[in-house]
Amino acid sequence: MLAPARVDAQWWRSTPRDFEECADIAEKAKTKQEKTSQLADCNAKFAGRRKVGGGYTYYDFLQDRSFDISGPNPTPEEQKKIDQEYARYLEKQRRESMTAALALKQQQEAEAQVQAQQPMQSPAQPGIEKVTLRTETVRVPVPVASPVKQAERIRAAKCAKDSFSCEWPRLSSSWNEFKKIFNSQPQAPSTKAKQRS
């Protein structure tokens, strides 16, 4: 018996034809989470991006390079070409790395050869003085405040203005100076003054 095939009734809904249309639909999502999810789906569905003048481009992050493609996703032939270009890119990177390593090895060998060919100069040879182009820097010590004064500065910086606990040390030292002025003993006459009389 023949049964009719099940057909979805979504023919009237337009599906996005490329990433940009898909992203426009995702922008209209109600929540940020839905928007993020829909954009991730767009990325999974469409590898290419629309170019300004028409056509599409595919960015291969492994090669850090873009390829022109005919539609929103690369065709099998375009994908094969991209893969071949990647193989060439890897081979070029390998050759450049080997060339750089060889050049470094040759440079090190040449430097070692030059050092081996230079005669060793003994300090006993008259008239020959070894000269260096390096200048020695003189280090001047930086003056440091006494720990007591540093502690006072730190304490003063942390104290709240007009608080008794912070003002007490200053008030106390001022009071001690005041006492010294009024309680000072008259100085005894010096021995020279006694001898003159």
Protein backbone atom coordinates (compact mmCIF):
# COMPACT_ATOMS: atom_id res chain seq x y z
CA MET A 1 0.00 0.00 0.00
CA LEU A 2 1.27 3.44 -0.81
CA ALA A 3 1.33 6.00 1.97
CA PRO A 4 1.91 9.69 1.40
CA ALA A 5 5.33 10.91 2.52
CA ARG A 6 5.30 13.19 5.53
CA VAL A 7 5.89 16.77 4.50
CA ASP A 8 6.76 19.52 6.96
CA ALA A 9 4.56 22.53 6.66
CA GLN A 10 7.49 24.94 6.87
CA TRP A 11 7.69 25.76 3.19
CA TRP A 12 6.27 29.21 3.82
CA ARG A 13 9.04 30.02 6.28
CA SER A 14 12.19 31.22 4.64
CA THR A 15 15.36 29.61 5.90
CA PRO A 16 18.49 31.73 5.94
CA ARG A 17 20.59 31.33 2.84
CA ASP A 18 23.88 32.47 4.40
CA PHE A 19 25.53 33.50 7.67
CA GLU A 20 24.47 37.12 7.46
CA GLU A 21 20.76 36.30 7.13
CA CYS A 22 21.06 33.75 9.92
CA ALA A 23 22.77 36.32 12.15
CA ASP A 24 20.03 38.89 11.41
CA ILE A 25 17.42 36.39 12.61
CA ALA A 26 19.51 35.61 15.71
CA GLU A 27 19.70 39.34 16.55
CA LYS A 28 15.92 39.32 17.00
CA ALA A 29 16.06 36.65 19.73
CA LYS A 30 14.30 37.54 22.97
CA THR A 31 17.11 36.71 25.41
CA LYS A 32 20.86 37.02 25.26
CA GLN A 33 21.24 33.28 25.82
CA GLU A 34 18.98 32.46 22.84
CA LYS A 35 20.86 34.97 20.70
CA THR A 36 24.22 33.40 21.61
CA SER A 37 22.89 29.92 20.92
CA GLN A 38 21.45 30.92 17.55
CA LEU A 39 24.67 32.68 16.51
CA ALA A 40 26.62 29.51 17.39
CA ASP A 41 24.23 27.56 15.15
CA CYS A 42 24.81 30.08 12.35
CA ASN A 43 28.57 29.60 12.69
CA ALA A 44 28.13 25.84 12.49
CA LYS A 45 25.87 26.00 9.41
CA PHE A 46 27.76 28.58 7.34
CA ALA A 47 31.57 28.69 7.01
CA GLY A 48 31.71 31.51 4.47
CA ARG A 49 30.93 35.20 4.89
CA ARG A 50 29.30 37.48 2.35
CA LYS A 51 31.67 39.89 0.55
CA VAL A 52 30.75 43.52 -0.03
CA GLY A 53 30.93 43.30 -3.84
CA GLY A 54 29.13 39.95 -4.00
CA GLY A 55 30.26 36.38 -3.58
CA TYR A 56 31.61 34.75 -0.44
CA THR A 57 34.90 34.37 1.35
CA TYR A 58 36.14 31.66 3.69
CA TYR A 59 38.71 32.53 6.38
CA ASP A 60 41.10 29.73 7.31
CA PHE A 61 42.50 30.64 10.72
CA LEU A 62 45.19 27.95 10.49
CA GLN A 63 46.76 29.73 7.53
CA ASP A 64 45.60 33.21 8.59
CA ARG A 65 44.27 33.70 5.09
CA SER A 66 40.98 34.02 3.20
CA PHE A 67 39.76 32.12 0.14
CA ASP A 68 37.07 33.14 -2.34
CA ILE A 69 34.28 30.56 -2.51
CA SER A 70 31.16 30.34 -4.68
CA GLY A 71 28.54 29.95 -1.95
CA PRO A 72 28.02 30.27 1.80
CA ASN A 73 29.95 27.01 2.32
CA PRO A 74 32.93 25.69 0.35
CA THR A 75 32.14 23.07 -2.28
CA PRO A 76 34.10 19.78 -2.10
CA GLU A 77 36.44 21.05 -4.83
CA GLU A 78 37.01 24.34 -2.99
CA GLN A 79 37.61 22.45 0.27
CA LYS A 80 40.15 20.24 -1.51
CA LYS A 81 41.94 23.35 -2.81
CA ILE A 82 41.98 24.89 0.70
CA ASP A 83 43.42 21.66 2.12
CA GLN A 84 46.12 21.56 -0.57
CA GLU A 85 47.04 25.17 0.19
CA TYR A 86 47.28 24.27 3.88
CA ALA A 87 49.65 21.38 3.08
CA ARG A 88 51.84 23.81 1.07
CA TYR A 89 51.68 26.30 3.95
CA LEU A 90 52.87 23.67 6.44
CA GLU A 91 55.70 22.62 4.12
CA LYS A 92 56.80 26.24 3.73
CA GLN A 93 56.75 26.73 7.52
CA ARG A 94 58.82 23.56 7.98
CA ARG A 95 61.40 24.69 5.40
CA GLU A 96 61.67 28.17 6.93
CA SER A 97 62.15 26.66 10.38
CA MET A 98 64.88 24.31 9.11
CA THR A 99 66.62 27.16 7.26
CA ALA A 100 66.60 29.35 10.37
CA ALA A 101 67.99 26.51 12.51
CA LEU A 102 70.74 25.80 9.95
CA ALA A 103 71.69 29.49 9.75
CA LEU A 104 71.89 29.70 13.54
CA LYS A 105 74.09 26.60 13.70
CA GLN A 106 76.41 27.97 11.00
CA GLN A 107 76.67 31.31 12.81
CA GLN A 108 77.56 29.58 16.09
CA GLU A 109 80.17 27.44 14.35
CA ALA A 110 81.71 30.51 12.67
CA GLU A 111 81.90 32.36 15.99
CA ALA A 112 83.54 29.35 17.64
CA GLN A 113 86.06 29.16 14.77
CA VAL A 114 86.94 32.86 15.08
CA GLN A 115 87.46 32.51 18.82
CA ALA A 116 89.64 29.45 18.33
CA GLN A 117 91.83 31.24 15.73
CA GLN A 118 92.48 34.31 17.88
CA PRO A 119 95.74 33.83 19.76
CA MET A 120 95.39 33.90 23.48
CA GLN A 121 96.98 37.07 24.80
CA SER A 122 98.94 36.74 27.98
CA PRO A 123 99.17 39.67 30.38
CA ALA A 124 102.99 39.45 30.20
CA GLN A 125 103.10 40.82 26.63
CA PRO A 126 104.31 44.40 26.78
CA GLY A 127 102.44 47.14 24.95
CA ILE A 128 99.17 45.23 24.58
CA GLU A 129 96.32 46.28 26.76
CA LYS A 130 92.88 44.76 26.79
CA VAL A 131 90.15 47.35 26.33
CA THR A 132 86.43 46.88 26.92
CA LEU A 133 83.64 49.06 25.67
CA ARG A 134 81.48 48.49 28.70
CA THR A 135 81.21 51.24 31.21
CA GLU A 136 80.69 50.33 34.80
CA THR A 137 77.86 52.11 36.49
CA VAL A 138 78.45 53.58 39.90
CA ARG A 139 75.74 52.76 42.35
CA VAL A 140 74.92 55.54 44.75
CA PRO A 141 73.04 54.56 47.90
CA VAL A 142 69.69 56.23 48.31
CA PRO A 143 69.22 57.93 51.67
CA VAL A 144 66.58 56.25 53.80
CA ALA A 145 64.60 57.95 56.54
CA SER A 146 64.95 56.59 60.05
CA PRO A 147 62.47 53.83 60.93
CA VAL A 148 60.96 55.99 63.69
CA LYS A 149 60.24 58.85 61.29
CA GLN A 150 58.91 56.45 58.66
CA ALA A 151 56.55 54.90 61.21
CA GLU A 152 55.35 58.36 62.24
CA ARG A 153 54.67 59.30 58.62
CA ILE A 154 52.76 56.09 57.99
CA ARG A 155 50.76 56.50 61.18
CA ALA A 156 50.01 60.15 60.33
CA ALA A 157 48.82 59.20 56.85
CA LYS A 158 46.43 56.57 58.25
CA CYS A 159 45.03 58.70 61.09
CA ALA A 160 41.64 60.32 60.83
CA LYS A 161 41.71 64.07 61.21
CA ASP A 162 40.85 65.39 64.69
CA SER A 163 40.83 61.96 66.34
CA PHE A 164 42.24 61.87 69.86
CA SER A 165 44.32 58.71 69.32
CA CYS A 166 46.12 60.32 66.39
CA GLU A 167 46.52 63.75 67.97
CA TRP A 168 47.77 62.45 71.35
CA PRO A 169 51.43 61.84 70.31
CA ARG A 170 51.69 65.34 68.82
CA LEU A 171 50.00 66.89 71.86
CA SER A 172 52.23 64.93 74.21
CA SER A 173 55.45 66.00 72.50
CA SER A 174 54.27 69.63 72.49
CA TRP A 175 53.49 69.43 76.23
CA ASN A 176 56.95 67.99 76.93
CA GLU A 177 58.58 70.88 75.06
CA PHE A 178 56.41 73.35 77.01
CA LYS A 179 57.51 71.78 80.31
CA LYS A 180 61.16 72.02 79.30
CA ILE A 181 60.82 75.77 78.70
CA PHE A 182 59.27 76.60 82.08
CA ASN A 183 60.97 73.98 84.25
CA SER A 184 64.47 74.52 83.07
CA GLN A 185 67.09 74.97 85.79
CA PRO A 186 69.13 78.14 85.60
CA GLN A 187 72.55 77.23 84.38
CA ALA A 188 75.37 77.37 86.86
CA PRO A 189 77.95 80.04 86.09
CA SER A 190 80.77 78.64 84.09
CA THR A 191 84.15 78.03 85.67
CA LYS A 192 85.73 80.69 83.45
CA ALA A 193 83.36 83.31 84.79
CA LYS A 194 84.33 82.36 88.36
CA GLN A 195 88.04 82.56 87.58
CA ARG A 196 87.74 86.11 86.20
CA SER A 197 86.20 87.46 89.32
